[in-house]
Amino acid sequence: MLTHDAEGNGKGILEINGQSQPVSYEVIVARDEDETRSVRIRLMAPRDWLMKQGFSGEATLVRDNGSRVKVSHEGGVGVEDPIAVALEGHEALKGGEGEAAEAYPELSSH
């Protein structure tokens, strides 16, 4: 069972096909019973901008610290989708709380 461990927010750049858009994102860390931690990065992107860039389900988020994270939305995006589309990325962390805080300084901003 996952337990909510930490969360924070950041500002970054969403990149698709050489084009970029400033975005805000949230980082959520959950801890499993075996003490492994998983990180979810979630952001909302403008549907029309995604469509204009030819979004096909995956983009790159450039975080505050310069690291790049793949974020995705199942399938493409069309006019039937909401005006803001949720994109998510996931990562497993093997270390403890210190590793999460080091890898995701956004966690200390909350």
PDB file of N, CA and C in Angstrom:
ATOM      1  N   MET A   1       0.841  -1.179   0.000  1.00  0.00           N
ATOM      2  CA  MET A   1       0.000   0.000   0.000  1.00  0.00           C
ATOM      3  C   MET A   1       0.885   1.241   0.000  1.00  0.00           C
ATOM      4  N   LEU A   2       0.579   2.173  -0.879  1.00  0.00           N
ATOM      5  CA  LEU A   2       1.355   3.403  -0.975  1.00  0.00           C
ATOM      6  C   LEU A   2       0.906   4.406   0.075  1.00  0.00           C
ATOM      7  N   THR A   3       1.896   5.090   0.646  1.00  0.00           N
ATOM      8  CA  THR A   3       1.646   6.146   1.616  1.00  0.00           C
ATOM      9  C   THR A   3       2.213   7.440   1.061  1.00  0.00           C
ATOM     10  N   HIS A   4       1.413   8.486   1.097  1.00  0.00           N
ATOM     11  CA  HIS A   4       1.870   9.796   0.648  1.00  0.00           C
ATOM     12  C   HIS A   4       3.041  10.207   1.525  1.00  0.00           C
ATOM     13  N   ASP A   5       4.158  10.608   0.896  1.00  0.00           N
ATOM     14  CA  ASP A   5       5.372  10.912   1.642  1.00  0.00           C
ATOM     15  C   ASP A   5       5.731  12.396   1.610  1.00  0.00           C
ATOM     16  N   ALA A   6       5.682  13.007   0.432  1.00  0.00           N
ATOM     17  CA  ALA A   6       6.051  14.420   0.298  1.00  0.00           C
ATOM     18  C   ALA A   6       5.491  14.963  -1.007  1.00  0.00           C
ATOM     19  N   GLU A   7       5.397  16.278  -1.083  1.00  0.00           N
ATOM     20  CA  GLU A   7       4.971  16.908  -2.336  1.00  0.00           C
ATOM     21  C   GLU A   7       5.567  18.295  -2.440  1.00  0.00           C
ATOM     22  N   GLY A   8       5.635  18.799  -3.648  1.00  0.00           N
ATOM     23  CA  GLY A   8       6.162  20.129  -3.897  1.00  0.00           C
ATOM     24  C   GLY A   8       5.768  20.585  -5.284  1.00  0.00           C
ATOM     25  N   ASN A   9       6.127  21.802  -5.604  1.00  0.00           N
ATOM     26  CA  ASN A   9       5.779  22.395  -6.892  1.00  0.00           C
ATOM     27  C   ASN A   9       7.007  23.018  -7.526  1.00  0.00           C
ATOM     28  N   GLY A  10       6.982  23.128  -8.834  1.00  0.00           N
ATOM     29  CA  GLY A  10       8.079  23.759  -9.551  1.00  0.00           C
ATOM     30  C   GLY A  10       7.592  24.392 -10.831  1.00  0.00           C
ATOM     31  N   LYS A  11       8.482  25.132 -11.454  1.00  0.00           N
ATOM     32  CA  LYS A  11       8.209  25.725 -12.761  1.00  0.00           C
ATOM     33  C   LYS A  11       9.268  25.197 -13.709  1.00  0.00           C
ATOM     34  N   GLY A  12       8.832  24.886 -14.919  1.00  0.00           N
ATOM     35  CA  GLY A  12       9.755  24.350 -15.898  1.00  0.00           C
ATOM     36  C   GLY A  12       9.322  24.706 -17.301  1.00  0.00           C
ATOM     37  N   ILE A  13       9.903  24.001 -18.257  1.00  0.00           N
ATOM     38  CA  ILE A  13       9.616  24.214 -19.667  1.00  0.00           C
ATOM     39  C   ILE A  13       9.185  22.874 -20.256  1.00  0.00           C
ATOM     40  N   LEU A  14       8.074  22.870 -20.969  1.00  0.00           N
ATOM     41  CA  LEU A  14       7.601  21.684 -21.663  1.00  0.00           C
ATOM     42  C   LEU A  14       8.078  21.779 -23.102  1.00  0.00           C
ATOM     43  N   GLU A  15       8.756  20.724 -23.582  1.00  0.00           N
ATOM     44  CA  GLU A  15       9.296  20.718 -24.940  1.00  0.00           C
ATOM     45  C   GLU A  15       8.628  19.644 -25.786  1.00  0.00           C
ATOM     46  N   ILE A  16       8.234  20.040 -26.995  1.00  0.00           N
ATOM     47  CA  ILE A  16       7.666  19.116 -27.975  1.00  0.00           C
ATOM     48  C   ILE A  16       8.170  19.542 -29.351  1.00  0.00           C
ATOM     49  N   ASN A  17       8.807  18.617 -30.046  1.00  0.00           N
ATOM     50  CA  ASN A  17       9.250  18.863 -31.428  1.00  0.00           C
ATOM     51  C   ASN A  17       9.997  20.190 -31.592  1.00  0.00           C
ATOM     52  N   GLY A  18      10.892  20.500 -30.652  1.00  0.00           N
ATOM     53  CA  GLY A  18      11.704  21.713 -30.744  1.00  0.00           C
ATOM     54  C   GLY A  18      11.027  22.979 -30.273  1.00  0.00           C
ATOM     55  N   GLN A  19       9.769  22.914 -29.871  1.00  0.00           N
ATOM     56  CA  GLN A  19       9.044  24.080 -29.366  1.00  0.00           C
ATOM     57  C   GLN A  19       8.922  23.967 -27.849  1.00  0.00           C
ATOM     58  N   SER A  20       8.799  25.103 -27.164  1.00  0.00           N
ATOM     59  CA  SER A  20       8.721  25.056 -25.701  1.00  0.00           C
ATOM     60  C   SER A  20       7.623  25.966 -25.173  1.00  0.00           C
ATOM     61  N   GLN A  21       7.166  25.622 -23.963  1.00  0.00           N
ATOM     62  CA  GLN A  21       6.075  26.336 -23.299  1.00  0.00           C
ATOM     63  C   GLN A  21       6.365  26.306 -21.795  1.00  0.00           C
ATOM     64  N   PRO A  22       6.361  27.464 -21.111  1.00  0.00           N
ATOM     65  CA  PRO A  22       6.531  27.444 -19.656  1.00  0.00           C
ATOM     66  C   PRO A  22       5.340  26.750 -18.993  1.00  0.00           C
ATOM     67  N   VAL A  23       5.613  25.944 -17.978  1.00  0.00           N
ATOM     68  CA  VAL A  23       4.556  25.240 -17.247  1.00  0.00           C
ATOM     69  C   VAL A  23       4.911  25.171 -15.762  1.00  0.00           C
ATOM     70  N   SER A  24       3.891  25.003 -14.961  1.00  0.00           N
ATOM     71  CA  SER A  24       4.055  24.670 -13.550  1.00  0.00           C
ATOM     72  C   SER A  24       3.780  23.184 -13.410  1.00  0.00           C
ATOM     73  N   TYR A  25       4.422  22.553 -12.448  1.00  0.00           N
ATOM     74  CA  TYR A  25       4.213  21.120 -12.249  1.00  0.00           C
ATOM     75  C   TYR A  25       4.247  20.792 -10.771  1.00  0.00           C
ATOM     76  N   GLU A  26       3.707  19.631 -10.433  1.00  0.00           N
ATOM     77  CA  GLU A  26       3.748  19.178  -9.051  1.00  0.00           C
ATOM     78  C   GLU A  26       4.524  17.868  -8.990  1.00  0.00           C
ATOM     79  N   VAL A  27       5.203  17.682  -7.871  1.00  0.00           N
ATOM     80  CA  VAL A  27       5.969  16.466  -7.608  1.00  0.00           C
ATOM     81  C   VAL A  27       5.354  15.812  -6.382  1.00  0.00           C
ATOM     82  N   ILE A  28       5.005  14.542  -6.497  1.00  0.00           N
ATOM     83  CA  ILE A  28       4.421  13.798  -5.380  1.00  0.00           C
ATOM     84  C   ILE A  28       5.240  12.534  -5.161  1.00  0.00           C
ATOM     85  N   VAL A  29       5.681  12.324  -3.932  1.00  0.00           N
ATOM     86  CA  VAL A  29       6.447  11.127  -3.583  1.00  0.00           C
ATOM     87  C   VAL A  29       5.569  10.241  -2.713  1.00  0.00           C
ATOM     88  N   ALA A  30       5.514   8.970  -3.065  1.00  0.00           N
ATOM     89  CA  ALA A  30       4.769   7.987  -2.275  1.00  0.00           C
ATOM     90  C   ALA A  30       5.741   6.910  -1.819  1.00  0.00           C
ATOM     91  N   ARG A  31       5.498   6.342  -0.644  1.00  0.00           N
ATOM     92  CA  ARG A  31       6.353   5.303  -0.071  1.00  0.00           C
ATOM     93  C   ARG A  31       5.561   4.012   0.018  1.00  0.00           C
ATOM     94  N   ASP A  32       6.174   2.918  -0.408  1.00  0.00           N
ATOM     95  CA  ASP A  32       5.533   1.616  -0.345  1.00  0.00           C
ATOM     96  C   ASP A  32       5.919   0.937   0.965  1.00  0.00           C
ATOM     97  N   GLU A  33       5.269  -0.186   1.273  1.00  0.00           N
ATOM     98  CA  GLU A  33       5.544  -0.918   2.514  1.00  0.00           C
ATOM     99  C   GLU A  33       7.005  -1.344   2.631  1.00  0.00           C
ATOM    100  N   ASP A  34       7.665  -1.625   1.501  1.00  0.00           N
ATOM    101  CA  ASP A  34       9.068  -2.042   1.537  1.00  0.00           C
ATOM    102  C   ASP A  34      10.028  -0.856   1.538  1.00  0.00           C
ATOM    103  N   GLU A  35       9.502   0.335   1.782  1.00  0.00           N
ATOM    104  CA  GLU A  35      10.252   1.591   1.883  1.00  0.00           C
ATOM    105  C   GLU A  35      10.768   2.120   0.541  1.00  0.00           C
ATOM    106  N   THR A  36      10.421   1.487  -0.582  1.00  0.00           N
ATOM    107  CA  THR A  36      10.768   2.088  -1.863  1.00  0.00           C
ATOM    108  C   THR A  36       9.861   3.288  -2.088  1.00  0.00           C
ATOM    109  N   ARG A  37      10.389   4.254  -2.799  1.00  0.00           N
ATOM    110  CA  ARG A  37       9.634   5.468  -3.065  1.00  0.00           C
ATOM    111  C   ARG A  37       9.419   5.619  -4.560  1.00  0.00           C
ATOM    112  N   SER A  38       8.257   6.106  -4.914  1.00  0.00           N
ATOM    113  CA  SER A  38       7.972   6.405  -6.316  1.00  0.00           C
ATOM    114  C   SER A  38       7.604   7.875  -6.422  1.00  0.00           C
ATOM    115  N   VAL A  39       8.019   8.473  -7.512  1.00  0.00           N
ATOM    116  CA  VAL A  39       7.789   9.895  -7.750  1.00  0.00           C
ATOM    117  C   VAL A  39       6.861  10.046  -8.940  1.00  0.00           C
ATOM    118  N   ARG A  40       5.868  10.897  -8.775  1.00  0.00           N
ATOM    119  CA  ARG A  40       4.973  11.228  -9.879  1.00  0.00           C
ATOM    120  C   ARG A  40       5.100  12.718 -10.130  1.00  0.00           C
ATOM    121  N   ILE A  41       5.351  13.074 -11.382  1.00  0.00           N
ATOM    122  CA  ILE A  41       5.380  14.474 -11.785  1.00  0.00           C
ATOM    123  C   ILE A  41       4.150  14.699 -12.651  1.00  0.00           C
ATOM    124  N   ARG A  42       3.389  15.713 -12.312  1.00  0.00           N
ATOM    125  CA  ARG A  42       2.124  15.966 -13.023  1.00  0.00           C
ATOM    126  C   ARG A  42       2.048  17.439 -13.396  1.00  0.00           C
ATOM    127  N   LEU A  43       1.587  17.694 -14.611  1.00  0.00           N
ATOM    128  CA  LEU A  43       1.404  19.073 -15.057  1.00  0.00           C
ATOM    129  C   LEU A  43       0.188  19.140 -15.967  1.00  0.00           C
ATOM    130  N   MET A  44      -0.311  20.336 -16.117  1.00  0.00           N
ATOM    131  CA  MET A  44      -1.425  20.593 -17.033  1.00  0.00           C
ATOM    132  C   MET A  44      -0.874  21.441 -18.177  1.00  0.00           C
ATOM    133  N   ALA A  45      -1.144  20.996 -19.412  1.00  0.00           N
ATOM    134  CA  ALA A  45      -0.665  21.716 -20.589  1.00  0.00           C
ATOM    135  C   ALA A  45      -1.859  22.146 -21.441  1.00  0.00           C
ATOM    136  N   PRO A  46      -1.758  23.301 -22.101  1.00  0.00           N
ATOM    137  CA  PRO A  46      -2.852  23.779 -22.947  1.00  0.00           C
ATOM    138  C   PRO A  46      -3.089  22.841 -24.138  1.00  0.00           C
ATOM    139  N   ARG A  47      -4.291  22.351 -24.269  1.00  0.00           N
ATOM    140  CA  ARG A  47      -4.654  21.422 -25.349  1.00  0.00           C
ATOM    141  C   ARG A  47      -4.311  21.990 -26.719  1.00  0.00           C
ATOM    142  N   ASP A  48      -4.685  23.235 -26.975  1.00  0.00           N
ATOM    143  CA  ASP A  48      -4.475  23.811 -28.298  1.00  0.00           C
ATOM    144  C   ASP A  48      -2.992  23.914 -28.631  1.00  0.00           C
ATOM    145  N   TRP A  49      -2.151  24.257 -27.638  1.00  0.00           N
ATOM    146  CA  TRP A  49      -0.710  24.320 -27.870  1.00  0.00           C
ATOM    147  C   TRP A  49      -0.171  22.926 -28.178  1.00  0.00           C
ATOM    148  N   LEU A  50      -0.623  21.919 -27.424  1.00  0.00           N
ATOM    149  CA  LEU A  50      -0.194  20.546 -27.681  1.00  0.00           C
ATOM    150  C   LEU A  50      -0.544  20.130 -29.106  1.00  0.00           C
ATOM    151  N   MET A  51      -1.769  20.420 -29.522  1.00  0.00           N
ATOM    152  CA  MET A  51      -2.206  20.055 -30.874  1.00  0.00           C
ATOM    153  C   MET A  51      -1.364  20.768 -31.927  1.00  0.00           C
ATOM    154  N   LYS A  52      -1.093  22.045 -31.721  1.00  0.00           N
ATOM    155  CA  LYS A  52      -0.313  22.839 -32.675  1.00  0.00           C
ATOM    156  C   LYS A  52       1.097  22.274 -32.835  1.00  0.00           C
ATOM    157  N   GLN A  53       1.650  21.698 -31.759  1.00  0.00           N
ATOM    158  CA  GLN A  53       3.001  21.150 -31.809  1.00  0.00           C
ATOM    159  C   GLN A  53       3.040  19.724 -32.353  1.00  0.00           C
ATOM    160  N   GLY A  54       1.880  19.149 -32.644  1.00  0.00           N
ATOM    161  CA  GLY A  54       1.834  17.781 -33.145  1.00  0.00           C
ATOM    162  C   GLY A  54       2.054  16.748 -32.060  1.00  0.00           C
ATOM    163  N   PHE A  55       1.609  17.060 -30.851  1.00  0.00           N
ATOM    164  CA  PHE A  55       1.770  16.163 -29.702  1.00  0.00           C
ATOM    165  C   PHE A  55       1.174  14.793 -30.013  1.00  0.00           C
ATOM    166  N   SER A  56       1.976  13.740 -29.770  1.00  0.00           N
ATOM    167  CA  SER A  56       1.505  12.384 -30.059  1.00  0.00           C
ATOM    168  C   SER A  56       1.511  11.491 -28.825  1.00  0.00           C
ATOM    169  N   GLY A  57       1.515  12.102 -27.633  1.00  0.00           N
ATOM    170  CA  GLY A  57       1.421  11.310 -26.410  1.00  0.00           C
ATOM    171  C   GLY A  57       2.596  11.460 -25.470  1.00  0.00           C
ATOM    172  N   GLU A  58       3.739  12.001 -25.940  1.00  0.00           N
ATOM    173  CA  GLU A  58       4.906  12.135 -25.070  1.00  0.00           C
ATOM    174  C   GLU A  58       5.602  13.472 -25.308  1.00  0.00           C
ATOM    175  N   ALA A  59       6.092  14.063 -24.223  1.00  0.00           N
ATOM    176  CA  ALA A  59       6.813  15.335 -24.273  1.00  0.00           C
ATOM    177  C   ALA A  59       7.929  15.282 -23.238  1.00  0.00           C
ATOM    178  N   THR A  60       8.746  16.314 -23.204  1.00  0.00           N
ATOM    179  CA  THR A  60       9.832  16.400 -22.229  1.00  0.00           C
ATOM    180  C   THR A  60       9.621  17.623 -21.354  1.00  0.00           C
ATOM    181  N   LEU A  61       9.678  17.409 -20.041  1.00  0.00           N
ATOM    182  CA  LEU A  61       9.644  18.506 -19.080  1.00  0.00           C
ATOM    183  C   LEU A  61      11.076  18.790 -18.665  1.00  0.00           C
ATOM    184  N   VAL A  62      11.504  20.045 -18.821  1.00  0.00           N
ATOM    185  CA  VAL A  62      12.802  20.471 -18.319  1.00  0.00           C
ATOM    186  C   VAL A  62      12.532  21.145 -16.980  1.00  0.00           C
ATOM    187  N   ARG A  63      12.961  20.477 -15.900  1.00  0.00           N
ATOM    188  CA  ARG A  63      12.681  20.974 -14.548  1.00  0.00           C
ATOM    189  C   ARG A  63      13.561  22.165 -14.186  1.00  0.00           C
ATOM    190  N   ASP A  64      13.247  22.804 -13.048  1.00  0.00           N
ATOM    191  CA  ASP A  64      14.010  23.935 -12.522  1.00  0.00           C
ATOM    192  C   ASP A  64      15.513  23.667 -12.521  1.00  0.00           C
ATOM    193  N   ASN A  65      15.912  22.456 -12.116  1.00  0.00           N
ATOM    194  CA  ASN A  65      17.332  22.134 -11.971  1.00  0.00           C
ATOM    195  C   ASN A  65      17.967  21.671 -13.276  1.00  0.00           C
ATOM    196  N   GLY A  66      17.229  21.729 -14.387  1.00  0.00           N
ATOM    197  CA  GLY A  66      17.767  21.366 -15.689  1.00  0.00           C
ATOM    198  C   GLY A  66      17.584  19.913 -16.078  1.00  0.00           C
ATOM    199  N   SER A  67      17.158  19.069 -15.148  1.00  0.00           N
ATOM    200  CA  SER A  67      16.972  17.660 -15.504  1.00  0.00           C
ATOM    201  C   SER A  67      15.749  17.517 -16.402  1.00  0.00           C
ATOM    202  N   ARG A  68      15.795  16.505 -17.237  1.00  0.00           N
ATOM    203  CA  ARG A  68      14.737  16.274 -18.224  1.00  0.00           C
ATOM    204  C   ARG A  68      13.954  15.034 -17.831  1.00  0.00           C
ATOM    205  N   VAL A  69      12.628  15.157 -17.889  1.00  0.00           N
ATOM    206  CA  VAL A  69      11.726  14.068 -17.513  1.00  0.00           C
ATOM    207  C   VAL A  69      10.724  13.857 -18.640  1.00  0.00           C
ATOM    208  N   LYS A  70      10.565  12.610 -19.052  1.00  0.00           N
ATOM    209  CA  LYS A  70       9.533  12.290 -20.045  1.00  0.00           C
ATOM    210  C   LYS A  70       8.178  12.324 -19.353  1.00  0.00           C
ATOM    211  N   VAL A  71       7.245  13.042 -19.938  1.00  0.00           N
ATOM    212  CA  VAL A  71       5.873  13.083 -19.439  1.00  0.00           C
ATOM    213  C   VAL A  71       4.964  12.661 -20.586  1.00  0.00           C
ATOM    214  N   SER A  72       3.846  12.039 -20.234  1.00  0.00           N
ATOM    215  CA  SER A  72       2.994  11.521 -21.294  1.00  0.00           C
ATOM    216  C   SER A  72       1.515  11.635 -20.952  1.00  0.00           C
ATOM    217  N   HIS A  73       0.741  11.469 -21.997  1.00  0.00           N
ATOM    218  CA  HIS A  73      -0.715  11.410 -21.925  1.00  0.00           C
ATOM    219  C   HIS A  73      -1.096  10.313 -22.894  1.00  0.00           C
ATOM    220  N   GLU A  74      -1.887   9.368 -22.431  1.00  0.00           N
ATOM    221  CA  GLU A  74      -2.231   8.233 -23.275  1.00  0.00           C
ATOM    222  C   GLU A  74      -2.934   8.691 -24.543  1.00  0.00           C
ATOM    223  N   GLY A  75      -2.375   8.296 -25.668  1.00  0.00           N
ATOM    224  CA  GLY A  75      -2.947   8.692 -26.954  1.00  0.00           C
ATOM    225  C   GLY A  75      -2.602  10.127 -27.296  1.00  0.00           C
ATOM    226  N   GLY A  76      -3.077  10.565 -28.416  1.00  0.00           N
ATOM    227  CA  GLY A  76      -2.867  11.947 -28.821  1.00  0.00           C
ATOM    228  C   GLY A  76      -3.869  12.864 -28.144  1.00  0.00           C
ATOM    229  N   VAL A  77      -3.938  14.074 -28.640  1.00  0.00           N
ATOM    230  CA  VAL A  77      -4.857  15.070 -28.093  1.00  0.00           C
ATOM    231  C   VAL A  77      -5.694  15.617 -29.243  1.00  0.00           C
ATOM    232  N   GLY A  78      -6.991  15.759 -29.006  1.00  0.00           N
ATOM    233  CA  GLY A  78      -7.886  16.301 -30.025  1.00  0.00           C
ATOM    234  C   GLY A  78      -8.820  17.331 -29.436  1.00  0.00           C
ATOM    235  N   VAL A  79      -9.638  17.936 -30.284  1.00  0.00           N
ATOM    236  CA  VAL A  79     -10.550  18.993 -29.841  1.00  0.00           C
ATOM    237  C   VAL A  79     -11.576  18.485 -28.826  1.00  0.00           C
ATOM    238  N   GLU A  80     -11.777  17.175 -28.761  1.00  0.00           N
ATOM    239  CA  GLU A  80     -12.722  16.621 -27.786  1.00  0.00           C
ATOM    240  C   GLU A  80     -12.132  16.567 -26.367  1.00  0.00           C
ATOM    241  N   ASP A  81     -10.814  16.777 -26.235  1.00  0.00           N
ATOM    242  CA  ASP A  81     -10.165  16.770 -24.918  1.00  0.00           C
ATOM    243  C   ASP A  81     -10.403  18.094 -24.195  1.00  0.00           C
ATOM    244  N   PRO A  82     -10.244  18.090 -22.873  1.00  0.00           N
ATOM    245  CA  PRO A  82     -10.392  19.338 -22.107  1.00  0.00           C
ATOM    246  C   PRO A  82      -9.376  20.391 -22.571  1.00  0.00           C
ATOM    247  N   ILE A  83      -9.623  21.637 -22.260  1.00  0.00           N
ATOM    248  CA  ILE A  83      -8.736  22.736 -22.654  1.00  0.00           C
ATOM    249  C   ILE A  83      -7.346  22.568 -22.045  1.00  0.00           C
ATOM    250  N   ALA A  84      -7.256  22.003 -20.847  1.00  0.00           N
ATOM    251  CA  ALA A  84      -5.976  21.700 -20.215  1.00  0.00           C
ATOM    252  C   ALA A  84      -5.866  20.178 -20.091  1.00  0.00           C
ATOM    253  N   VAL A  85      -4.749  19.638 -20.551  1.00  0.00           N
ATOM    254  CA  VAL A  85      -4.538  18.192 -20.589  1.00  0.00           C
ATOM    255  C   VAL A  85      -3.477  17.813 -19.569  1.00  0.00           C
ATOM    256  N   ALA A  86      -3.752  16.782 -18.760  1.00  0.00           N
ATOM    257  CA  ALA A  86      -2.803  16.317 -17.751  1.00  0.00           C
ATOM    258  C   ALA A  86      -1.737  15.444 -18.399  1.00  0.00           C
ATOM    259  N   LEU A  87      -0.476  15.752 -18.088  1.00  0.00           N
ATOM    260  CA  LEU A  87       0.658  14.937 -18.505  1.00  0.00           C
ATOM    261  C   LEU A  87       1.355  14.454 -17.244  1.00  0.00           C
ATOM    262  N   GLU A  88       1.832  13.206 -17.250  1.00  0.00           N
ATOM    263  CA  GLU A  88       2.482  12.646 -16.066  1.00  0.00           C
ATOM    264  C   GLU A  88       3.759  11.906 -16.421  1.00  0.00           C
ATOM    265  N   GLY A  89       4.689  11.942 -15.486  1.00  0.00           N
ATOM    266  CA  GLY A  89       5.918  11.159 -15.568  1.00  0.00           C
ATOM    267  C   GLY A  89       6.106  10.441 -14.249  1.00  0.00           C
ATOM    268  N   HIS A  90       6.786   9.289 -14.261  1.00  0.00           N
ATOM    269  CA  HIS A  90       6.981   8.487 -13.057  1.00  0.00           C
ATOM    270  C   HIS A  90       8.422   8.025 -12.963  1.00  0.00           C
ATOM    271  N   GLU A  91       8.890   7.873 -11.719  1.00  0.00           N
ATOM    272  CA  GLU A  91      10.238   7.371 -11.475  1.00  0.00           C
ATOM    273  C   GLU A  91      10.253   6.640 -10.144  1.00  0.00           C
ATOM    274  N   ALA A  92      11.018   5.572 -10.064  1.00  0.00           N
ATOM    275  CA  ALA A  92      11.193   4.849  -8.798  1.00  0.00           C
ATOM    276  C   ALA A  92      12.508   5.302  -8.163  1.00  0.00           C
ATOM    277  N   LEU A  93      12.489   5.551  -6.859  1.00  0.00           N
ATOM    278  CA  LEU A  93      13.693   5.910  -6.115  1.00  0.00           C
ATOM    279  C   LEU A  93      14.048   4.749  -5.198  1.00  0.00           C
ATOM    280  N   LYS A  94      15.317   4.359  -5.195  1.00  0.00           N
ATOM    281  CA  LYS A  94      15.733   3.235  -4.369  1.00  0.00           C
ATOM    282  C   LYS A  94      16.157   3.652  -2.961  1.00  0.00           C
ATOM    283  N   GLY A  95      16.617   4.884  -2.811  1.00  0.00           N
ATOM    284  CA  GLY A  95      17.103   5.351  -1.520  1.00  0.00           C
ATOM    285  C   GLY A  95      15.996   5.880  -0.634  1.00  0.00           C
ATOM    286  N   GLY A  96      16.394   6.512   0.434  1.00  0.00           N
ATOM    287  CA  GLY A  96      15.437   7.036   1.391  1.00  0.00           C
ATOM    288  C   GLY A  96      15.043   8.460   1.109  1.00  0.00           C
ATOM    289  N   GLU A  97      14.571   9.109   2.157  1.00  0.00           N
ATOM    290  CA  GLU A  97      14.070  10.468   2.065  1.00  0.00           C
ATOM    291  C   GLU A  97      15.121  11.433   1.538  1.00  0.00           C
ATOM    292  N   GLY A  98      16.383  11.230   1.929  1.00  0.00           N
ATOM    293  CA  GLY A  98      17.469  12.102   1.494  1.00  0.00           C
ATOM    294  C   GLY A  98      17.646  12.087  -0.005  1.00  0.00           C
ATOM    295  N   GLU A  99      17.545  10.899  -0.622  1.00  0.00           N
ATOM    296  CA  GLU A  99      17.689  10.798  -2.070  1.00  0.00           C
ATOM    297  C   GLU A  99      16.563  11.549  -2.767  1.00  0.00           C
ATOM    298  N   ALA A 100      15.358  11.418  -2.263  1.00  0.00           N
ATOM    299  CA  ALA A 100      14.211  12.110  -2.864  1.00  0.00           C
ATOM    300  C   ALA A 100      14.407  13.623  -2.782  1.00  0.00           C
ATOM    301  N   ALA A 101      14.839  14.124  -1.627  1.00  0.00           N
ATOM    302  CA  ALA A 101      15.031  15.561  -1.452  1.00  0.00           C
ATOM    303  C   ALA A 101      16.159  16.084  -2.337  1.00  0.00           C
ATOM    304  N   GLU A 102      17.202  15.275  -2.522  1.00  0.00           N
ATOM    305  CA  GLU A 102      18.320  15.685  -3.368  1.00  0.00           C
ATOM    306  C   GLU A 102      17.911  15.689  -4.843  1.00  0.00           C
ATOM    307  N   ALA A 103      17.218  14.650  -5.268  1.00  0.00           N
ATOM    308  CA  ALA A 103      16.807  14.536  -6.665  1.00  0.00           C
ATOM    309  C   ALA A 103      15.687  15.510  -7.012  1.00  0.00           C
ATOM    310  N   TYR A 104      14.875  15.859  -6.026  1.00  0.00           N
ATOM    311  CA  TYR A 104      13.721  16.733  -6.255  1.00  0.00           C
ATOM    312  C   TYR A 104      13.713  17.875  -5.247  1.00  0.00           C
ATOM    313  N   PRO A 105      14.536  18.908  -5.471  1.00  0.00           N
ATOM    314  CA  PRO A 105      14.574  20.038  -4.530  1.00  0.00           C
ATOM    315  C   PRO A 105      13.232  20.757  -4.424  1.00  0.00           C
ATOM    316  N   GLU A 106      12.327  20.535  -5.379  1.00  0.00           N
ATOM    317  CA  GLU A 106      10.993  21.134  -5.323  1.00  0.00           C
ATOM    318  C   GLU A 106      10.254  20.697  -4.065  1.00  0.00           C
ATOM    319  N   LEU A 107      10.601  19.537  -3.509  1.00  0.00           N
ATOM    320  CA  LEU A 107       9.920  19.023  -2.333  1.00  0.00           C
ATOM    321  C   LEU A 107      10.095  19.921  -1.125  1.00  0.00           C
ATOM    322  N   SER A 108      11.214  20.615  -1.030  1.00  0.00           N
ATOM    323  CA  SER A 108      11.450  21.493   0.118  1.00  0.00           C
ATOM    324  C   SER A 108      10.755  22.833  -0.028  1.00  0.00           C
ATOM    325  N   SER A 109      10.191  23.095  -1.220  1.00  0.00           N
ATOM    326  CA  SER A 109       9.521  24.386  -1.430  1.00  0.00           C
ATOM    327  C   SER A 109       8.100  24.395  -0.934  1.00  0.00           C
ATOM    328  N   HIS A 110       7.628  23.261  -0.417  1.00  0.00           N
ATOM    329  CA  HIS A 110       6.225  23.159   0.005  1.00  0.00           C
ATOM    330  C   HIS A 110       6.096  23.143   1.494  1.00  0.00           C
TER     331      HIS A 110
END
